Amino acid sequence: YLDLGYSKSDIARIAKMFGFIMTVVGSGVCGVLVV
């Protein structure tokens, strides 16, 4: 990400915060799928 030219704040906002939300969504979906 850094070599592509994104700032640390860009990475924090998208790769970390937004990524965190998508990880939680994926976990929730999987919980239903396992059932």
Full PDB file with SEQRES, HELIX, SHEET, SSBOND, CRYST1, ORIGX, SCALE, CONECT and MASTER records, all heavy atoms in Angstrom:
SEQRES   1 A   35  TYR LEU ASP LEU GLY TYR SER LYS SER ASP ILE ALA ARG          
SEQRES   2 A   35  ILE ALA LYS MET PHE GLY PHE ILE MET THR VAL VAL GLY          
SEQRES   3 A   35  SER GLY VAL CYS GLY VAL LEU VAL VAL                          
HELIX    1 AA1 LYS A    8  ASP A   10  1                                   3    
HELIX    2 AA2 ILE A   11  PHE A   18  3                                   8    
HELIX    3 AA3 GLY A   19  VAL A   34  1                                  16    
CRYST1    1.000    1.000    1.000  90.00  90.00  90.00 P 1           1          
ORIGX1      1.000000  0.000000  0.000000        0.00000                         
ORIGX2      0.000000  1.000000  0.000000        0.00000                         
ORIGX3      0.000000  0.000000  1.000000        0.00000                         
SCALE1      1.000000  0.000000  0.000000        0.00000                         
SCALE2      0.000000  1.000000  0.000000        0.00000                         
SCALE3      0.000000  0.000000  1.000000        0.00000                         
ATOM      1  N   TYR A   1       0.823  -1.209   0.000  1.00  0.00           N  
ATOM      2  CA  TYR A   1       0.000   0.000   0.000  1.00  0.00           C  
ATOM      3  C   TYR A   1       0.861   1.264   0.000  1.00  0.00           C  
ATOM      4  O   TYR A   1       0.575   2.229  -0.721  1.00  0.00           O  
ATOM      5  CB  TYR A   1      -0.909   0.029   1.238  1.00  0.00           C  
ATOM      6  CG  TYR A   1      -1.800  -1.179   1.410  1.00  0.00           C  
ATOM      7  CD1 TYR A   1      -2.123  -1.645   2.686  1.00  0.00           C  
ATOM      8  CD2 TYR A   1      -2.330  -1.857   0.313  1.00  0.00           C  
ATOM      9  CE1 TYR A   1      -2.940  -2.748   2.862  1.00  0.00           C  
ATOM     10  CE2 TYR A   1      -3.147  -2.955   0.480  1.00  0.00           C  
ATOM     11  CZ  TYR A   1      -3.439  -3.405   1.756  1.00  0.00           C  
ATOM     12  OH  TYR A   1      -4.248  -4.494   1.930  1.00  0.00           O  
ATOM     13  N   LEU A   2       1.911   1.261   0.816  1.00  0.00           N  
ATOM     14  CA  LEU A   2       2.787   2.439   0.886  1.00  0.00           C  
ATOM     15  C   LEU A   2       3.510   2.667  -0.434  1.00  0.00           C  
ATOM     16  O   LEU A   2       3.670   3.803  -0.885  1.00  0.00           O  
ATOM     17  CB  LEU A   2       3.788   2.278   2.030  1.00  0.00           C  
ATOM     18  CG  LEU A   2       3.194   2.353   3.449  1.00  0.00           C  
ATOM     19  CD1 LEU A   2       4.229   1.920   4.479  1.00  0.00           C  
ATOM     20  CD2 LEU A   2       2.690   3.759   3.762  1.00  0.00           C  
ATOM     21  N   ASP A   3       3.968   1.587  -1.071  1.00  0.00           N  
ATOM     22  CA  ASP A   3       4.676   1.720  -2.346  1.00  0.00           C  
ATOM     23  C   ASP A   3       3.746   2.181  -3.461  1.00  0.00           C  
ATOM     24  O   ASP A   3       4.193   2.784  -4.452  1.00  0.00           O  
ATOM     25  CB  ASP A   3       5.333   0.387  -2.732  1.00  0.00           C  
ATOM     26  CG  ASP A   3       6.566   0.088  -1.889  1.00  0.00           C  
ATOM     27  OD1 ASP A   3       7.069   1.017  -1.231  1.00  0.00           O  
ATOM     28  OD2 ASP A   3       7.031  -1.074  -1.881  1.00  0.00           O  
ATOM     29  N   LEU A   4       2.443   1.911  -3.319  1.00  0.00           N  
ATOM     30  CA  LEU A   4       1.479   2.403  -4.306  1.00  0.00           C  
ATOM     31  C   LEU A   4       1.234   3.903  -4.169  1.00  0.00           C  
ATOM     32  O   LEU A   4       0.658   4.522  -5.065  1.00  0.00           O  
ATOM     33  CB  LEU A   4       0.143   1.662  -4.168  1.00  0.00           C  
ATOM     34  CG  LEU A   4       0.100   0.206  -4.643  1.00  0.00           C  
ATOM     35  CD1 LEU A   4      -1.283  -0.392  -4.373  1.00  0.00           C  
ATOM     36  CD2 LEU A   4       0.436   0.092  -6.119  1.00  0.00           C  
ATOM     37  N   GLY A   5       1.651   4.476  -3.037  1.00  0.00           N  
ATOM     38  CA  GLY A   5       1.505   5.914  -2.838  1.00  0.00           C  
ATOM     39  C   GLY A   5       0.442   6.322  -1.847  1.00  0.00           C  
ATOM     40  O   GLY A   5       0.184   7.517  -1.671  1.00  0.00           O  
ATOM     41  N   TYR A   6      -0.198   5.346  -1.173  1.00  0.00           N  
ATOM     42  CA  TYR A   6      -1.210   5.682  -0.184  1.00  0.00           C  
ATOM     43  C   TYR A   6      -0.531   6.162   1.096  1.00  0.00           C  
ATOM     44  O   TYR A   6       0.531   5.671   1.480  1.00  0.00           O  
ATOM     45  CB  TYR A   6      -2.092   4.469   0.122  1.00  0.00           C  
ATOM     46  CG  TYR A   6      -2.885   3.981  -1.061  1.00  0.00           C  
ATOM     47  CD1 TYR A   6      -2.588   2.765  -1.673  1.00  0.00           C  
ATOM     48  CD2 TYR A   6      -3.938   4.728  -1.571  1.00  0.00           C  
ATOM     49  CE1 TYR A   6      -3.311   2.310  -2.757  1.00  0.00           C  
ATOM     50  CE2 TYR A   6      -4.681   4.272  -2.659  1.00  0.00           C  
ATOM     51  CZ  TYR A   6      -4.349   3.069  -3.253  1.00  0.00           C  
ATOM     52  OH  TYR A   6      -5.068   2.622  -4.332  1.00  0.00           O  
ATOM     53  N   SER A   7      -1.155   7.123   1.775  1.00  0.00           N  
ATOM     54  CA  SER A   7      -0.626   7.600   3.047  1.00  0.00           C  
ATOM     55  C   SER A   7      -1.018   6.634   4.160  1.00  0.00           C  
ATOM     56  O   SER A   7      -1.897   5.779   3.996  1.00  0.00           O  
ATOM     57  CB  SER A   7      -1.171   8.988   3.367  1.00  0.00           C  
ATOM     58  OG  SER A   7      -2.566   8.917   3.658  1.00  0.00           O  
ATOM     59  N   LYS A   8      -0.371   6.789   5.304  1.00  0.00           N  
ATOM     60  CA  LYS A   8      -0.702   5.940   6.448  1.00  0.00           C  
ATOM     61  C   LYS A   8      -2.142   6.165   6.888  1.00  0.00           C  
ATOM     62  O   LYS A   8      -2.818   5.233   7.328  1.00  0.00           O  
ATOM     63  CB  LYS A   8       0.282   6.213   7.594  1.00  0.00           C  
ATOM     64  CG  LYS A   8       1.709   5.779   7.285  1.00  0.00           C  
ATOM     65  CD  LYS A   8       2.633   5.954   8.467  1.00  0.00           C  
ATOM     66  CE  LYS A   8       2.999   7.419   8.718  1.00  0.00           C  
ATOM     67  NZ  LYS A   8       3.809   7.999   7.663  1.00  0.00           N  
ATOM     68  N   SER A   9      -2.646   7.381   6.762  1.00  0.00           N  
ATOM     69  CA  SER A   9      -4.048   7.650   7.107  1.00  0.00           C  
ATOM     70  C   SER A   9      -5.001   6.970   6.132  1.00  0.00           C  
ATOM     71  O   SER A   9      -6.067   6.481   6.517  1.00  0.00           O  
ATOM     72  CB  SER A   9      -4.306   9.163   7.132  1.00  0.00           C  
ATOM     73  OG  SER A   9      -3.588   9.780   8.176  1.00  0.00           O  
ATOM     74  N   ASP A  10      -4.636   6.950   4.828  1.00  0.00           N  
ATOM     75  CA  ASP A  10      -5.445   6.219   3.842  1.00  0.00           C  
ATOM     76  C   ASP A  10      -5.555   4.751   4.225  1.00  0.00           C  
ATOM     77  O   ASP A  10      -6.647   4.153   4.189  1.00  0.00           O  
ATOM     78  CB  ASP A  10      -4.817   6.330   2.449  1.00  0.00           C  
ATOM     79  CG  ASP A  10      -4.916   7.725   1.861  1.00  0.00           C  
ATOM     80  OD1 ASP A  10      -5.839   8.464   2.257  1.00  0.00           O  
ATOM     81  OD2 ASP A  10      -4.069   8.070   1.009  1.00  0.00           O  
ATOM     82  N   ILE A  11      -4.411   4.176   4.578  1.00  0.00           N  
ATOM     83  CA  ILE A  11      -4.379   2.761   4.937  1.00  0.00           C  
ATOM     84  C   ILE A  11      -5.209   2.519   6.195  1.00  0.00           C  
ATOM     85  O   ILE A  11      -5.969   1.550   6.278  1.00  0.00           O  
ATOM     86  CB  ILE A  11      -2.926   2.289   5.143  1.00  0.00           C  
ATOM     87  CG1 ILE A  11      -2.126   2.474   3.843  1.00  0.00           C  
ATOM     88  CG2 ILE A  11      -2.884   0.826   5.571  1.00  0.00           C  
ATOM     89  CD1 ILE A  11      -0.637   2.262   4.015  1.00  0.00           C  
ATOM     90  N   ALA A  12      -5.068   3.422   7.170  1.00  0.00           N  
ATOM     91  CA  ALA A  12      -5.818   3.263   8.414  1.00  0.00           C  
ATOM     92  C   ALA A  12      -7.315   3.339   8.167  1.00  0.00           C  
ATOM     93  O   ALA A  12      -8.093   2.555   8.714  1.00  0.00           O  
ATOM     94  CB  ALA A  12      -5.391   4.338   9.417  1.00  0.00           C  
ATOM     95  N   ARG A  13      -7.727   4.297   7.322  1.00  0.00           N  
ATOM     96  CA  ARG A  13      -9.152   4.522   7.090  1.00  0.00           C  
ATOM     97  C   ARG A  13      -9.791   3.386   6.307  1.00  0.00           C  
ATOM     98  O   ARG A  13     -10.902   2.953   6.616  1.00  0.00           O  
ATOM     99  CB  ARG A  13      -9.346   5.845   6.355  1.00  0.00           C  
ATOM    100  CG  ARG A  13     -10.814   6.230   6.174  1.00  0.00           C  
ATOM    101  CD  ARG A  13     -10.966   7.648   5.650  1.00  0.00           C  
ATOM    102  NE  ARG A  13     -10.417   7.822   4.306  1.00  0.00           N  
ATOM    103  CZ  ARG A  13      -9.267   8.433   4.038  1.00  0.00           C  
ATOM    104  NH1 ARG A  13      -8.515   8.920   5.016  1.00  0.00           N  
ATOM    105  NH2 ARG A  13      -8.839   8.563   2.787  1.00  0.00           N  
ATOM    106  N   ILE A  14      -9.113   2.893   5.297  1.00  0.00           N  
ATOM    107  CA  ILE A  14      -9.718   1.892   4.411  1.00  0.00           C  
ATOM    108  C   ILE A  14      -9.285   0.474   4.777  1.00  0.00           C  
ATOM    109  O   ILE A  14     -10.124  -0.396   5.031  1.00  0.00           O  
ATOM    110  CB  ILE A  14      -9.360   2.197   2.942  1.00  0.00           C  
ATOM    111  CG1 ILE A  14      -9.984   3.535   2.532  1.00  0.00           C  
ATOM    112  CG2 ILE A  14      -9.864   1.074   2.037  1.00  0.00           C  
ATOM    113  CD1 ILE A  14      -9.654   3.961   1.128  1.00  0.00           C  
ATOM    114  N   ALA A  15      -7.974   0.246   4.818  1.00  0.00           N  
ATOM    115  CA  ALA A  15      -7.480  -1.116   5.030  1.00  0.00           C  
ATOM    116  C   ALA A  15      -7.743  -1.610   6.442  1.00  0.00           C  
ATOM    117  O   ALA A  15      -7.898  -2.810   6.648  1.00  0.00           O  
ATOM    118  CB  ALA A  15      -5.985  -1.178   4.730  1.00  0.00           C  
ATOM    119  N   LYS A  16      -7.798  -0.700   7.404  1.00  0.00           N  
ATOM    120  CA  LYS A  16      -7.977  -1.133   8.780  1.00  0.00           C  
ATOM    121  C   LYS A  16      -9.417  -0.967   9.250  1.00  0.00           C  
ATOM    122  O   LYS A  16     -10.065  -1.934   9.640  1.00  0.00           O  
ATOM    123  CB  LYS A  16      -7.020  -0.357   9.691  1.00  0.00           C  
ATOM    124  CG  LYS A  16      -5.547  -0.526   9.319  1.00  0.00           C  
ATOM    125  CD  LYS A  16      -5.132  -1.990   9.290  1.00  0.00           C  
ATOM    126  CE  LYS A  16      -3.671  -2.155   8.878  1.00  0.00           C  
ATOM    127  NZ  LYS A  16      -3.304  -3.569   8.747  1.00  0.00           N  
ATOM    128  N   MET A  17      -9.930   0.255   9.228  1.00  0.00           N  
ATOM    129  CA  MET A  17     -11.270   0.480   9.769  1.00  0.00           C  
ATOM    130  C   MET A  17     -12.348  -0.167   8.907  1.00  0.00           C  
ATOM    131  O   MET A  17     -13.195  -0.911   9.395  1.00  0.00           O  
ATOM    132  CB  MET A  17     -11.515   1.980   9.912  1.00  0.00           C  
ATOM    133  CG  MET A  17     -10.586   2.661  10.911  1.00  0.00           C  
ATOM    134  SD  MET A  17     -10.945   4.408  11.167  1.00  0.00           S  
ATOM    135  CE  MET A  17     -12.514   4.306  12.021  1.00  0.00           C  
ATOM    136  N   PHE A  18     -12.319   0.102   7.591  1.00  0.00           N  
ATOM    137  CA  PHE A  18     -13.317  -0.495   6.705  1.00  0.00           C  
ATOM    138  C   PHE A  18     -13.092  -1.998   6.615  1.00  0.00           C  
ATOM    139  O   PHE A  18     -14.045  -2.781   6.563  1.00  0.00           O  
ATOM    140  CB  PHE A  18     -13.233   0.156   5.327  1.00  0.00           C  
ATOM    141  CG  PHE A  18     -14.375  -0.199   4.421  1.00  0.00           C  
ATOM    142  CD1 PHE A  18     -15.675   0.131   4.759  1.00  0.00           C  
ATOM    143  CD2 PHE A  18     -14.148  -0.854   3.224  1.00  0.00           C  
ATOM    144  CE1 PHE A  18     -16.735  -0.196   3.929  1.00  0.00           C  
ATOM    145  CE2 PHE A  18     -15.198  -1.184   2.381  1.00  0.00           C  
ATOM    146  CZ  PHE A  18     -16.488  -0.853   2.734  1.00  0.00           C  
ATOM    147  N   GLY A  19     -11.821  -2.397   6.601  1.00  0.00           N  
ATOM    148  CA  GLY A  19     -11.510  -3.822   6.583  1.00  0.00           C  
ATOM    149  C   GLY A  19     -12.023  -4.525   7.828  1.00  0.00           C  
ATOM    150  O   GLY A  19     -12.480  -5.672   7.767  1.00  0.00           O  
ATOM    151  N   PHE A  20     -11.953  -3.857   8.970  1.00  0.00           N  
ATOM    152  CA  PHE A  20     -12.465  -4.421  10.212  1.00  0.00           C  
ATOM    153  C   PHE A  20     -13.961  -4.712  10.092  1.00  0.00           C  
ATOM    154  O   PHE A  20     -14.435  -5.782  10.492  1.00  0.00           O  
ATOM    155  CB  PHE A  20     -12.203  -3.440  11.357  1.00  0.00           C  
ATOM    156  CG  PHE A  20     -12.982  -3.712  12.611  1.00  0.00           C  
ATOM    157  CD1 PHE A  20     -12.591  -4.704  13.488  1.00  0.00           C  
ATOM    158  CD2 PHE A  20     -14.120  -2.972  12.912  1.00  0.00           C  
ATOM    159  CE1 PHE A  20     -13.306  -4.954  14.646  1.00  0.00           C  
ATOM    160  CE2 PHE A  20     -14.842  -3.213  14.063  1.00  0.00           C  
ATOM    161  CZ  PHE A  20     -14.435  -4.210  14.933  1.00  0.00           C  
ATOM    162  N   ILE A  21     -14.713  -3.779   9.535  1.00  0.00           N  
ATOM    163  CA  ILE A  21     -16.154  -3.968   9.375  1.00  0.00           C  
ATOM    164  C   ILE A  21     -16.440  -5.175   8.483  1.00  0.00           C  
ATOM    165  O   ILE A  21     -17.297  -6.017   8.789  1.00  0.00           O  
ATOM    166  CB  ILE A  21     -16.804  -2.700   8.793  1.00  0.00           C  
ATOM    167  CG1 ILE A  21     -16.668  -1.545   9.790  1.00  0.00           C  
ATOM    168  CG2 ILE A  21     -18.273  -2.941   8.453  1.00  0.00           C  
ATOM    169  CD1 ILE A  21     -17.112  -0.206   9.234  1.00  0.00           C  
ATOM    170  N   MET A  22     -15.704  -5.291   7.381  1.00  0.00           N  
ATOM    171  CA  MET A  22     -15.934  -6.400   6.457  1.00  0.00           C  
ATOM    172  C   MET A  22     -15.547  -7.736   7.083  1.00  0.00           C  
ATOM    173  O   MET A  22     -16.165  -8.768   6.807  1.00  0.00           O  
ATOM    174  CB  MET A  22     -15.161  -6.173   5.163  1.00  0.00           C  
ATOM    175  CG  MET A  22     -15.591  -4.943   4.376  1.00  0.00           C  
ATOM    176  SD  MET A  22     -17.383  -4.908   4.054  1.00  0.00           S  
ATOM    177  CE  MET A  22     -17.575  -6.340   2.987  1.00  0.00           C  
ATOM    178  N   THR A  23     -14.522  -7.732   7.951  1.00  0.00           N  
ATOM    179  CA  THR A  23     -14.157  -8.965   8.631  1.00  0.00           C  
ATOM    180  C   THR A  23     -15.266  -9.419   9.562  1.00  0.00           C  
ATOM    181  O   THR A  23     -15.603 -10.607   9.632  1.00  0.00           O  
ATOM    182  CB  THR A  23     -12.858  -8.764   9.438  1.00  0.00           C  
ATOM    183  OG1 THR A  23     -11.799  -8.406   8.552  1.00  0.00           O  
ATOM    184  CG2 THR A  23     -12.471 -10.039  10.178  1.00  0.00           C  
ATOM    185  N   VAL A  24     -15.862  -8.466  10.294  1.00  0.00           N  
ATOM    186  CA  VAL A  24     -16.971  -8.790  11.185  1.00  0.00           C  
ATOM    187  C   VAL A  24     -18.165  -9.312  10.383  1.00  0.00           C  
ATOM    188  O   VAL A  24     -18.830 -10.284  10.787  1.00  0.00           O  
ATOM    189  CB  VAL A  24     -17.365  -7.560  12.024  1.00  0.00           C  
ATOM    190  CG1 VAL A  24     -18.637  -7.822  12.812  1.00  0.00           C  
ATOM    191  CG2 VAL A  24     -16.231  -7.171  12.965  1.00  0.00           C  
ATOM    192  N   VAL A  25     -18.441  -8.687   9.231  1.00  0.00           N  
ATOM    193  CA  VAL A  25     -19.530  -9.157   8.367  1.00  0.00           C  
ATOM    194  C   VAL A  25     -19.251 -10.590   7.899  1.00  0.00           C  
ATOM    195  O   VAL A  25     -20.139 -11.455   7.937  1.00  0.00           O  
ATOM    196  CB  VAL A  25     -19.701  -8.218   7.158  1.00  0.00           C  
ATOM    197  CG1 VAL A  25     -20.666  -8.829   6.142  1.00  0.00           C  
ATOM    198  CG2 VAL A  25     -20.209  -6.857   7.612  1.00  0.00           C  
ATOM    199  N   GLY A  26     -18.017 -10.842   7.462  1.00  0.00           N  
ATOM    200  CA  GLY A  26     -17.656 -12.186   7.020  1.00  0.00           C  
ATOM    201  C   GLY A  26     -17.812 -13.211   8.123  1.00  0.00           C  
ATOM    202  O   GLY A  26     -18.299 -14.331   7.887  1.00  0.00           O  
ATOM    203  N   SER A  27     -17.416 -12.838   9.345  1.00  0.00           N  
ATOM    204  CA  SER A  27     -17.568 -13.746  10.479  1.00  0.00           C  
ATOM    205  C   SER A  27     -19.035 -14.041  10.753  1.00  0.00           C  
ATOM    206  O   SER A  27     -19.418 -15.188  11.015  1.00  0.00           O  
ATOM    207  CB  SER A  27     -16.908 -13.136  11.719  1.00  0.00           C  
ATOM    208  OG  SER A  27     -15.518 -12.954  11.521  1.00  0.00           O  
ATOM    209  N   GLY A  28     -19.868 -12.990  10.695  1.00  0.00           N  
ATOM    210  CA  GLY A  28     -21.293 -13.186  10.926  1.00  0.00           C  
ATOM    211  C   GLY A  28     -21.937 -14.074   9.879  1.00  0.00           C  
ATOM    212  O   GLY A  28     -22.740 -14.949  10.196  1.00  0.00           O  
ATOM    213  N   VAL A  29     -21.578 -13.858   8.621  1.00  0.00           N  
ATOM    214  CA  VAL A  29     -22.101 -14.700   7.541  1.00  0.00           C  
ATOM    215  C   VAL A  29     -21.687 -16.152   7.747  1.00  0.00           C  
ATOM    216  O   VAL A  29     -22.489 -17.080   7.595  1.00  0.00           O  
ATOM    217  CB  VAL A  29     -21.601 -14.186   6.178  1.00  0.00           C  
ATOM    218  CG1 VAL A  29     -21.897 -15.187   5.071  1.00  0.00           C  
ATOM    219  CG2 VAL A  29     -22.240 -12.838   5.853  1.00  0.00           C  
ATOM    220  N   CYS A  30     -20.425 -16.348   8.129  1.00  0.00           N  
ATOM    221  CA  CYS A  30     -19.936 -17.719   8.309  1.00  0.00           C  
ATOM    222  C   CYS A  30     -20.652 -18.408   9.460  1.00  0.00           C  
ATOM    223  O   CYS A  30     -20.917 -19.616   9.398  1.00  0.00           O  
ATOM    224  CB  CYS A  30     -18.426 -17.706   8.558  1.00  0.00           C  
ATOM    225  SG  CYS A  30     -17.708 -19.351   8.644  1.00  0.00           S  
ATOM    226  N   GLY A  31     -20.962 -17.654  10.525  1.00  0.00           N  
ATOM    227  CA  GLY A  31     -21.694 -18.256  11.629  1.00  0.00           C  
ATOM    228  C   GLY A  31     -23.018 -18.839  11.190  1.00  0.00           C  
ATOM    229  O   GLY A  31     -23.409 -19.929  11.626  1.00  0.00           O  
ATOM    230  N   VAL A  32     -23.719 -18.138  10.291  1.00  0.00           N  
ATOM    231  CA  VAL A  32     -24.979 -18.649   9.754  1.00  0.00           C  
ATOM    232  C   VAL A  32     -24.729 -19.848   8.852  1.00  0.00           C  
ATOM    233  O   VAL A  32     -25.456 -20.852   8.894  1.00  0.00           O  
ATOM    234  CB  VAL A  32     -25.721 -17.535   8.992  1.00  0.00           C  
ATOM    235  CG1 VAL A  32     -26.992 -18.081   8.356  1.00  0.00           C  
ATOM    236  CG2 VAL A  32     -26.047 -16.372   9.919  1.00  0.00           C  
ATOM    237  N   LEU A  33     -23.688 -19.758   8.024  1.00  0.00           N  
ATOM    238  CA  LEU A  33     -23.385 -20.850   7.095  1.00  0.00           C  
ATOM    239  C   LEU A  33     -23.039 -22.143   7.826  1.00  0.00           C  
ATOM    240  O   LEU A  33     -23.411 -23.234   7.381  1.00  0.00           O  
ATOM    241  CB  LEU A  33     -22.229 -20.444   6.175  1.00  0.00           C  
ATOM    242  CG  LEU A  33     -22.510 -19.305   5.182  1.00  0.00           C  
ATOM    243  CD1 LEU A  33     -21.275 -19.024   4.341  1.00  0.00           C  
ATOM    244  CD2 LEU A  33     -23.701 -19.644   4.293  1.00  0.00           C  
ATOM    245  N   VAL A  34     -22.300 -22.015   8.948  1.00  0.00           N  
ATOM    246  CA  VAL A  34     -21.952 -23.224   9.700  1.00  0.00           C  
ATOM    247  C   VAL A  34     -23.206 -23.904  10.239  1.00  0.00           C  
ATOM    248  O   VAL A  34     -23.315 -25.133  10.238  1.00  0.00           O  
ATOM    249  CB  VAL A  34     -20.977 -22.865  10.850  1.00  0.00           C  
ATOM    250  CG1 VAL A  34     -20.812 -24.049  11.805  1.00  0.00           C  
ATOM    251  CG2 VAL A  34     -19.618 -22.457  10.289  1.00  0.00           C  
ATOM    252  N   VAL A  35     -24.183 -23.101  10.686  1.00  0.00           N  
ATOM    253  CA  VAL A  35     -25.428 -23.666  11.195  1.00  0.00           C  
ATOM    254  C   VAL A  35     -26.195 -24.361  10.079  1.00  0.00           C  
ATOM    255  O   VAL A  35     -26.728 -25.460  10.253  1.00  0.00           O  
ATOM    256  CB  VAL A  35     -26.294 -22.563  11.838  1.00  0.00           C  
ATOM    257  CG1 VAL A  35     -27.668 -23.115  12.209  1.00  0.00           C  
ATOM    258  CG2 VAL A  35     -25.606 -22.006  13.078  1.00  0.00           C  
TER     259      VAL A  35                                                      
MASTER        0    0    0    3    0    0    0    6  258    1    0    3          
END                                                                             
